[in-house]
C-alpha atoms as a PDB file:
ATOM      1  CA  UNK A   1       5.345  17.465  -4.521  1.00  0.00           C
ATOM      2  CA  UNK A   2       6.911  18.080  -7.909  1.00  0.00           C
ATOM      3  CA  UNK A   3      10.544  18.735  -8.722  1.00  0.00           C
ATOM      4  CA  UNK A   4      11.936  22.275  -8.962  1.00  0.00           C
ATOM      5  CA  UNK A   5      10.809  24.266 -11.995  1.00  0.00           C
ATOM      6  CA  UNK A   6      13.033  24.299 -15.035  1.00  0.00           C
ATOM      7  CA  UNK A   7      13.467  27.373 -17.197  1.00  0.00           C
ATOM      8  CA  UNK A   8      10.726  28.224 -19.673  1.00  0.00           C
ATOM      9  CA  UNK A   9      11.176  26.432 -22.987  1.00  0.00           C
ATOM     10  CA  UNK A  10      10.959  28.973 -25.858  1.00  0.00           C
ATOM     11  CA  UNK A  11       8.488  30.955 -23.742  1.00  0.00           C
ATOM     12  CA  UNK A  12       5.835  28.383 -24.640  1.00  0.00           C
ATOM     13  CA  UNK A  13       6.262  25.614 -22.082  1.00  0.00           C
ATOM     14  CA  UNK A  14       6.518  25.600 -18.307  1.00  0.00           C
ATOM     15  CA  UNK A  15       7.732  22.098 -17.513  1.00  0.00           C
ATOM     16  CA  UNK A  16       8.201  21.070 -13.893  1.00  0.00           C
ATOM     17  CA  UNK A  17      10.682  18.226 -14.156  1.00  0.00           C
ATOM     18  CA  UNK A  18      14.367  17.782 -14.858  1.00  0.00           C
ATOM     19  CA  UNK A  19      14.272  17.527 -18.662  1.00  0.00           C
ATOM     20  CA  UNK A  20      11.594  18.069 -21.339  1.00  0.00           C
ATOM     21  CA  UNK A  21      10.118  14.790 -22.524  1.00  0.00           C
ATOM     22  CA  UNK A  22      11.558  13.780 -25.948  1.00  0.00           C
ATOM     23  CA  UNK A  23       8.142  12.994 -27.429  1.00  0.00           C
ATOM     24  CA  UNK A  24       6.885  16.547 -26.826  1.00  0.00           C
ATOM     25  CA  UNK A  25       7.134  18.983 -29.750  1.00  0.00           C
ATOM     26  CA  UNK A  26       6.217  22.659 -29.466  1.00  0.00           C
ATOM     27  CA  UNK A  27       5.905  24.879 -32.542  1.00  0.00           C
ATOM     28  CA  UNK A  28       3.091  27.391 -31.996  1.00  0.00           C
ATOM     29  CA  UNK A  29       2.958  30.651 -33.955  1.00  0.00           C
ATOM     30  CA  UNK A  30       0.548  32.346 -31.565  1.00  0.00           C
ATOM     31  CA  UNK A  31       0.131  31.269 -27.967  1.00  0.00           C
ATOM     32  CA  UNK A  32      -2.550  30.579 -25.414  1.00  0.00           C
ATOM     33  CA  UNK A  33      -2.240  28.448 -22.269  1.00  0.00           C
ATOM     34  CA  UNK A  34      -3.755  25.062 -21.431  1.00  0.00           C
ATOM     35  CA  UNK A  35      -2.884  22.615 -18.684  1.00  0.00           C
ATOM     36  CA  UNK A  36      -2.394  18.883 -18.737  1.00  0.00           C
ATOM     37  CA  UNK A  37      -1.830  16.785 -15.590  1.00  0.00           C
ATOM     38  CA  UNK A  38      -0.194  13.385 -15.712  1.00  0.00           C
ATOM     39  CA  UNK A  39      -2.481  10.653 -14.290  1.00  0.00           C
ATOM     40  CA  UNK A  40      -0.064  10.036 -11.435  1.00  0.00           C
ATOM     41  CA  UNK A  41      -0.432  13.737 -10.506  1.00  0.00           C
ATOM     42  CA  UNK A  42       3.337  13.844 -10.106  1.00  0.00           C
ATOM     43  CA  UNK A  43       4.276  15.793 -13.219  1.00  0.00           C
ATOM     44  CA  UNK A  44       2.682  19.038 -14.272  1.00  0.00           C
ATOM     45  CA  UNK A  45       2.839  20.640 -17.675  1.00  0.00           C
ATOM     46  CA  UNK A  46       1.592  23.965 -19.006  1.00  0.00           C
ATOM     47  CA  UNK A  47       1.405  23.754 -22.789  1.00  0.00           C
ATOM     48  CA  UNK A  48       0.663  26.586 -25.201  1.00  0.00           C
ATOM     49  CA  UNK A  49      -1.576  25.966 -28.209  1.00  0.00           C
ATOM     50  CA  UNK A  50      -2.276  28.242 -31.225  1.00  0.00           C
ATOM     51  CA  UNK A  51      -5.182  30.620 -30.716  1.00  0.00           C
ATOM     52  CA  UNK A  52      -5.660  30.832 -34.468  1.00  0.00           C
ATOM     53  CA  UNK A  53      -7.170  27.332 -34.659  1.00  0.00           C
ATOM     54  CA  UNK A  54      -8.909  26.744 -31.308  1.00  0.00           C
ATOM     55  CA  UNK A  55     -11.144  23.956 -32.621  1.00  0.00           C
ATOM     56  CA  UNK A  56      -8.507  22.056 -34.551  1.00  0.00           C
ATOM     57  CA  UNK A  57      -5.240  21.241 -32.782  1.00  0.00           C
ATOM     58  CA  UNK A  58      -2.227  19.760 -34.518  1.00  0.00           C
ATOM     59  CA  UNK A  59      -2.121  16.558 -32.483  1.00  0.00           C
ATOM     60  CA  UNK A  60       1.127  15.427 -34.077  1.00  0.00           C
ATOM     61  CA  UNK A  61       2.836  18.497 -32.633  1.00  0.00           C
ATOM     62  CA  UNK A  62       1.150  18.555 -29.260  1.00  0.00           C
ATOM     63  CA  UNK A  63       0.774  14.891 -28.364  1.00  0.00           C
ATOM     64  CA  UNK A  64       2.275  13.858 -25.008  1.00  0.00           C
ATOM     65  CA  UNK A  65       2.719  10.133 -24.545  1.00  0.00           C
ATOM     66  CA  UNK A  66       1.801  10.018 -20.871  1.00  0.00           C
ATOM     67  CA  UNK A  67       2.128   6.245 -20.594  1.00  0.00           C
ATOM     68  CA  UNK A  68       5.818   6.516 -21.454  1.00  0.00           C
ATOM     69  CA  UNK A  69       6.559   8.938 -18.635  1.00  0.00           C
ATOM     70  CA  UNK A  70       8.212   7.594 -15.461  1.00  0.00           C
ATOM     71  CA  UNK A  71       5.833   6.701 -12.621  1.00  0.00           C
ATOM     72  CA  UNK A  72       6.756   7.613  -9.070  1.00  0.00           C
ATOM     73  CA  UNK A  73       6.587   4.778  -6.470  1.00  0.00           C
ATOM     74  CA  UNK A  74       3.951   6.714  -4.550  1.00  0.00           C
ATOM     75  CA  UNK A  75       1.448   6.032  -7.343  1.00  0.00           C
ATOM     76  CA  UNK A  76       1.236   2.360  -6.355  1.00  0.00           C
ATOM     77  CA  UNK A  77       0.960   3.285  -2.679  1.00  0.00           C
ATOM     78  CA  UNK A  78      -2.001   5.607  -3.170  1.00  0.00           C
ATOM     79  CA  UNK A  79      -3.749   3.276  -5.625  1.00  0.00           C
ATOM     80  CA  UNK A  80      -3.421   0.472  -3.053  1.00  0.00           C
ATOM     81  CA  UNK A  81      -4.623   2.694  -0.242  1.00  0.00           C
ATOM     82  CA  UNK A  82      -7.696   3.764  -2.221  1.00  0.00           C
ATOM     83  CA  UNK A  83      -8.556   0.250  -3.382  1.00  0.00           C
ATOM     84  CA  UNK A  84      -8.086   0.979  -7.082  1.00  0.00           C
ATOM     85  CA  UNK A  85      -7.502  -2.527  -8.405  1.00  0.00           C
ATOM     86  CA  UNK A  86      -7.334  -1.606 -12.101  1.00  0.00           C
ATOM     87  CA  UNK A  87      -4.778   1.102 -11.450  1.00  0.00           C
ATOM     88  CA  UNK A  88      -2.599  -1.195  -9.336  1.00  0.00           C
ATOM     89  CA  UNK A  89      -2.648  -3.808 -12.082  1.00  0.00           C
ATOM     90  CA  UNK A  90      -1.858  -1.239 -14.777  1.00  0.00           C
ATOM     91  CA  UNK A  91       1.098   0.185 -12.852  1.00  0.00           C
ATOM     92  CA  UNK A  92       2.654  -3.228 -12.244  1.00  0.00           C
ATOM     93  CA  UNK A  93       1.960  -4.432 -15.786  1.00  0.00           C
ATOM     94  CA  UNK A  94       3.628  -1.414 -17.389  1.00  0.00           C
ATOM     95  CA  UNK A  95       6.456  -1.277 -14.865  1.00  0.00           C
ATOM     96  CA  UNK A  96       7.735  -4.830 -14.202  1.00  0.00           C
ATOM     97  CA  UNK A  97      10.650  -3.545 -12.090  1.00  0.00           C
ATOM     98  CA  UNK A  98       8.506  -1.210 -10.016  1.00  0.00           C
ATOM     99  CA  UNK A  99       9.638  -0.296  -6.494  1.00  0.00           C
ATOM    100  CA  UNK A 100       6.835  -2.197  -4.749  1.00  0.00           C
ATOM    101  CA  UNK A 101       8.324  -1.819  -1.253  1.00  0.00           C
ATOM    102  CA  UNK A 102       8.429   1.988  -1.297  1.00  0.00           C
ATOM    103  CA  UNK A 103       7.473   3.441   2.086  1.00  0.00           C
ATOM    104  CA  UNK A 104       5.516   6.648   2.537  1.00  0.00           C
ATOM    105  CA  UNK A 105       7.379   8.452   5.317  1.00  0.00           C
ATOM    106  CA  UNK A 106       4.670  11.122   5.391  1.00  0.00           C
ATOM    107  CA  UNK A 107       2.063   8.524   6.356  1.00  0.00           C
ATOM    108  CA  UNK A 108       3.733   6.440   9.026  1.00  0.00           C
ATOM    109  CA  UNK A 109       6.160   4.695   6.653  1.00  0.00           C
ATOM    110  CA  UNK A 110       3.452   2.370   5.390  1.00  0.00           C
ATOM    111  CA  UNK A 111       4.109   0.334   2.259  1.00  0.00           C
ATOM    112  CA  UNK A 112       1.493  -0.304  -0.414  1.00  0.00           C
ATOM    113  CA  UNK A 113       0.962  -3.801   1.019  1.00  0.00           C
ATOM    114  CA  UNK A 114       0.726  -2.526   4.586  1.00  0.00           C
ATOM    115  CA  UNK A 115      -1.839   0.105   3.664  1.00  0.00           C
ATOM    116  CA  UNK A 116      -3.892  -2.348   1.586  1.00  0.00           C
ATOM    117  CA  UNK A 117      -3.961  -4.724   4.580  1.00  0.00           C
ATOM    118  CA  UNK A 118      -4.976  -1.922   6.915  1.00  0.00           C
ATOM    119  CA  UNK A 119      -7.821  -0.900   4.587  1.00  0.00           C
ATOM    120  CA  UNK A 120      -8.934  -4.447   3.861  1.00  0.00           C
ATOM    121  CA  UNK A 121      -8.376  -4.383   0.090  1.00  0.00           C
ATOM    122  CA  UNK A 122      -7.883  -8.121  -0.263  1.00  0.00           C
ATOM    123  CA  UNK A 123      -7.766  -8.217  -4.077  1.00  0.00           C
ATOM    124  CA  UNK A 124      -4.904  -5.722  -4.060  1.00  0.00           C
ATOM    125  CA  UNK A 125      -3.187  -7.681  -1.284  1.00  0.00           C
ATOM    126  CA  UNK A 126      -3.290 -10.807  -3.443  1.00  0.00           C
ATOM    127  CA  UNK A 127      -1.870  -8.883  -6.416  1.00  0.00           C
ATOM    128  CA  UNK A 128       0.989  -7.467  -4.366  1.00  0.00           C
ATOM    129  CA  UNK A 129       1.774 -10.824  -2.766  1.00  0.00           C
ATOM    130  CA  UNK A 130       2.247 -12.253  -6.249  1.00  0.00           C
ATOM    131  CA  UNK A 131       4.980  -9.745  -7.075  1.00  0.00           C
ATOM    132  CA  UNK A 132       8.413 -11.420  -6.866  1.00  0.00           C
ATOM    133  CA  UNK A 133      10.042  -8.462  -5.107  1.00  0.00           C
ATOM    134  CA  UNK A 134       7.432  -7.867  -2.414  1.00  0.00           C
ATOM    135  CA  UNK A 135       8.604  -7.799   1.203  1.00  0.00           C
ATOM    136  CA  UNK A 136       5.623  -9.220   3.074  1.00  0.00           C
ATOM    137  CA  UNK A 137       7.080  -8.338   6.485  1.00  0.00           C
ATOM    138  CA  UNK A 138       8.174  -4.749   5.958  1.00  0.00           C
ATOM    139  CA  UNK A 139       6.953  -2.731   8.935  1.00  0.00           C
ATOM    140  CA  UNK A 140       5.735   0.826   9.388  1.00  0.00           C
ATOM    141  CA  UNK A 141       7.367   3.335  11.748  1.00  0.00           C
ATOM    142  CA  UNK A 142       5.699   1.731  14.785  1.00  0.00           C
ATOM    143  CA  UNK A 143       6.814  -1.750  13.837  1.00  0.00           C
ATOM    144  CA  UNK A 144       3.456  -2.917  12.488  1.00  0.00           C
ATOM    145  CA  UNK A 145       3.730  -5.584   9.816  1.00  0.00           C
ATOM    146  CA  UNK A 146       1.056  -5.936   7.097  1.00  0.00           C
ATOM    147  CA  UNK A 147      -0.256  -9.030   8.909  1.00  0.00           C
ATOM    148  CA  UNK A 148      -0.588  -7.133  12.181  1.00  0.00           C
ATOM    149  CA  UNK A 149      -2.445  -4.303  10.429  1.00  0.00           C
ATOM    150  CA  UNK A 150      -4.872  -6.794   8.889  1.00  0.00           C
ATOM    151  CA  UNK A 151      -5.405  -8.502  12.267  1.00  0.00           C
ATOM    152  CA  UNK A 152      -6.050  -5.356  14.264  1.00  0.00           C
ATOM    153  CA  UNK A 153      -8.577  -4.062  11.732  1.00  0.00           C
ATOM    154  CA  UNK A 154     -10.385  -7.394  11.524  1.00  0.00           C
ATOM    155  CA  UNK A 155      -9.871  -7.881   7.798  1.00  0.00           C
ATOM    156  CA  UNK A 156     -10.217 -11.654   7.742  1.00  0.00           C
ATOM    157  CA  UNK A 157      -9.767 -12.004   3.980  1.00  0.00           C
ATOM    158  CA  UNK A 158      -6.385 -10.266   4.153  1.00  0.00           C
ATOM    159  CA  UNK A 159      -5.420 -12.276   7.230  1.00  0.00           C
ATOM    160  CA  UNK A 160      -6.177 -15.527   5.405  1.00  0.00           C
ATOM    161  CA  UNK A 161      -4.076 -14.525   2.396  1.00  0.00           C
ATOM    162  CA  UNK A 162      -1.084 -13.818   4.627  1.00  0.00           C
ATOM    163  CA  UNK A 163      -1.569 -16.973   6.686  1.00  0.00           C
ATOM    164  CA  UNK A 164      -1.269 -18.957   3.444  1.00  0.00           C
ATOM    165  CA  UNK A 165       1.930 -17.152   2.511  1.00  0.00           C
ATOM    166  CA  UNK A 166       4.836 -18.901   4.215  1.00  0.00           C
ATOM    167  CA  UNK A 167       6.992 -15.789   3.851  1.00  0.00           C
ATOM    168  CA  UNK A 168       4.818 -13.949   6.362  1.00  0.00           C
ATOM    169  CA  UNK A 169       6.165 -13.957   9.918  1.00  0.00           C
ATOM    170  CA  UNK A 170       2.780 -13.978  11.573  1.00  0.00           C
ATOM    171  CA  UNK A 171       3.962 -13.647  15.172  1.00  0.00           C
ATOM    172  CA  UNK A 172       6.252 -10.698  14.509  1.00  0.00           C
ATOM    173  CA  UNK A 173       5.786  -8.065  17.268  1.00  0.00           C
ATOM    174  CA  UNK A 174       5.771  -4.306  16.862  1.00  0.00           C
ATOM    175  CA  UNK A 175       8.278  -1.971  18.506  1.00  0.00           C
ATOM    176  CA  UNK A 176       6.331  -2.230  21.768  1.00  0.00           C
ATOM    177  CA  UNK A 177       6.954  -6.030  21.822  1.00  0.00           C
ATOM    178  CA  UNK A 178       3.241  -6.700  21.265  1.00  0.00           C
ATOM    179  CA  UNK A 179       2.199  -9.338  18.734  1.00  0.00           C
ATOM    180  CA  UNK A 180      -0.831  -9.578  16.423  1.00  0.00           C
ATOM    181  CA  UNK A 181      -2.671 -12.153  18.559  1.00  0.00           C
ATOM    182  CA  UNK A 182      -2.616  -9.823  21.565  1.00  0.00           C
ATOM    183  CA  UNK A 183      -4.567  -7.191  19.594  1.00  0.00           C
ATOM    184  CA  UNK A 184      -6.939  -9.770  18.119  1.00  0.00           C
ATOM    185  CA  UNK A 185      -7.726 -11.081  21.617  1.00  0.00           C
ATOM    186  CA  UNK A 186      -8.099  -7.594  23.037  1.00  0.00           C
ATOM    187  CA  UNK A 187     -10.603  -6.615  20.346  1.00  0.00           C
ATOM    188  CA  UNK A 188     -12.475  -9.949  20.354  1.00  0.00           C
ATOM    189  CA  UNK A 189     -11.726 -10.620  16.699  1.00  0.00           C
ATOM    190  CA  UNK A 190     -12.987 -14.202  16.669  1.00  0.00           C
ATOM    191  CA  UNK A 191     -12.817 -14.794  12.883  1.00  0.00           C
ATOM    192  CA  UNK A 192      -9.160 -13.716  12.857  1.00  0.00           C
ATOM    193  CA  UNK A 193      -8.265 -15.999  15.767  1.00  0.00           C
ATOM    194  CA  UNK A 194     -10.236 -18.969  14.433  1.00  0.00           C
ATOM    195  CA  UNK A 195      -8.781 -18.766  10.926  1.00  0.00           C
ATOM    196  CA  UNK A 196      -5.332 -18.470  12.464  1.00  0.00           C
ATOM    197  CA  UNK A 197      -5.908 -21.614  14.509  1.00  0.00           C
ATOM    198  CA  UNK A 198      -7.291 -23.485  11.492  1.00  0.00           C
ATOM    199  CA  UNK A 199      -4.340 -22.483   9.287  1.00  0.00           C
ATOM    200  CA  UNK A 200      -1.842 -24.615  11.180  1.00  0.00           C
ATOM    201  CA  UNK A 201       0.513 -21.649  11.514  1.00  0.00           C
ATOM    202  CA  UNK A 202       2.249 -21.139  14.838  1.00  0.00           C
ATOM    203  CA  UNK A 203       0.335 -18.914  17.240  1.00  0.00           C
ATOM    204  CA  UNK A 204       2.344 -17.111  19.908  1.00  0.00           C
ATOM    205  CA  UNK A 205       0.206 -16.564  23.016  1.00  0.00           C
ATOM    206  CA  UNK A 206       2.912 -14.429  24.615  1.00  0.00           C
ATOM    207  CA  UNK A 207       4.688 -14.667  27.939  1.00  0.00           C
ATOM    208  CA  UNK A 208       2.328 -15.315  30.872  1.00  0.00           C
ATOM    209  CA  UNK A 209       2.204 -12.288  33.160  1.00  0.00           C
ATOM    210  CA  UNK A 210       3.791  -9.928  30.608  1.00  0.00           C
ATOM    211  CA  UNK A 211       1.348  -7.061  30.151  1.00  0.00           C
ATOM    212  CA  UNK A 212       2.625  -6.358  26.630  1.00  0.00           C
ATOM    213  CA  UNK A 213       2.578  -9.881  25.205  1.00  0.00           C
ATOM    214  CA  UNK A 214       0.235 -12.136  27.227  1.00  0.00           C
ATOM    215  CA  UNK A 215      -2.876 -12.473  25.039  1.00  0.00           C
ATOM    216  CA  UNK A 216      -4.819 -14.626  27.514  1.00  0.00           C
ATOM    217  CA  UNK A 217      -3.856 -12.378  30.403  1.00  0.00           C
ATOM    218  CA  UNK A 218      -5.056  -9.318  28.495  1.00  0.00           C
ATOM    219  CA  UNK A 219      -8.380 -10.985  27.729  1.00  0.00           C
ATOM    220  CA  UNK A 220      -8.799 -11.838  31.420  1.00  0.00           C
ATOM    221  CA  UNK A 221      -8.122  -8.242  32.473  1.00  0.00           C
ATOM    222  CA  UNK A 222     -10.789  -7.042  30.032  1.00  0.00           C
ATOM    223  CA  UNK A 223     -13.183  -9.784  31.177  1.00  0.00           C
ATOM    224  CA  UNK A 224     -13.507 -11.258  27.713  1.00  0.00           C
ATOM    225  CA  UNK A 225     -14.374 -14.739  28.915  1.00  0.00           C
ATOM    226  CA  UNK A 226     -15.136 -16.245  25.505  1.00  0.00           C
ATOM    227  CA  UNK A 227     -11.730 -15.174  24.212  1.00  0.00           C
ATOM    228  CA  UNK A 228     -10.062 -16.663  27.286  1.00  0.00           C
ATOM    229  CA  UNK A 229     -11.901 -19.947  26.748  1.00  0.00           C
ATOM    230  CA  UNK A 230     -10.980 -20.069  23.067  1.00  0.00           C
ATOM    231  CA  UNK A 231      -7.289 -19.371  23.634  1.00  0.00           C
ATOM    232  CA  UNK A 232      -6.946 -21.658  26.640  1.00  0.00           C
ATOM    233  CA  UNK A 233      -8.533 -24.485  24.669  1.00  0.00           C
ATOM    234  CA  UNK A 234      -6.003 -23.864  21.893  1.00  0.00           C
ATOM    235  CA  UNK A 235      -3.173 -23.672  24.431  1.00  0.00           C
ATOM    236  CA  UNK A 236      -4.160 -27.024  25.867  1.00  0.00           C
ATOM    237  CA  UNK A 237      -4.391 -28.743  22.473  1.00  0.00           C
ATOM    238  CA  UNK A 238      -2.503 -26.617  19.921  1.00  0.00           C
ATOM    239  CA  UNK A 239      -2.527 -29.401  17.330  1.00  0.00           C
ATOM    240  CA  UNK A 240      -6.309 -29.644  17.377  1.00  0.00           C
ATOM    241  CA  UNK A 241      -7.562 -27.519  14.471  1.00  0.00           C
END
């Protein structure tokens, strides 16, 4: 979505934004229409160039400094979702005070970090974790933390990064009171469970008999005997890594 259209500027520019950019100069004697889209796809310009010199354009008059234009927070979200490492790095490098915790309410209120964890883009996860303003526990609309998203989707590399980050509340449940280990046990995600055990981080097995939290009980119901054995061995000797 772009902002509401402003009035035409001297009948030569249709600029969808609040104000014309100060670095843009328009002075064409005769007009034809060309389009230029900002890399973030958030701003849209229609610029008129002289038809009298179609092969030679006065770049000093028609140059738009796109890098100086404001970048919407959604640009980081979509770059993270699509695994575009270079773009993520460029956005954060050029915008040190970027809104890294922006949530996309049209896609389940995921953050850039949450979506990167869900997709398994571990390089981007490490970049975002290094940002001083990142909220590593910010949940989506269903209460899924980035760590839970990484666990459920079996992205071990992302899980390991978050296990090493002491800011991450690894046992945080979603809005249904279910924790990450429950889903890992249910889906037989052995690498996730084993790295979690080896990390030394607390592992919440849930409340015995509670159908929403009991990881061992859920594994027993689904007849996942190897998972039951693994978790019961951990339960018996939680300090044994």
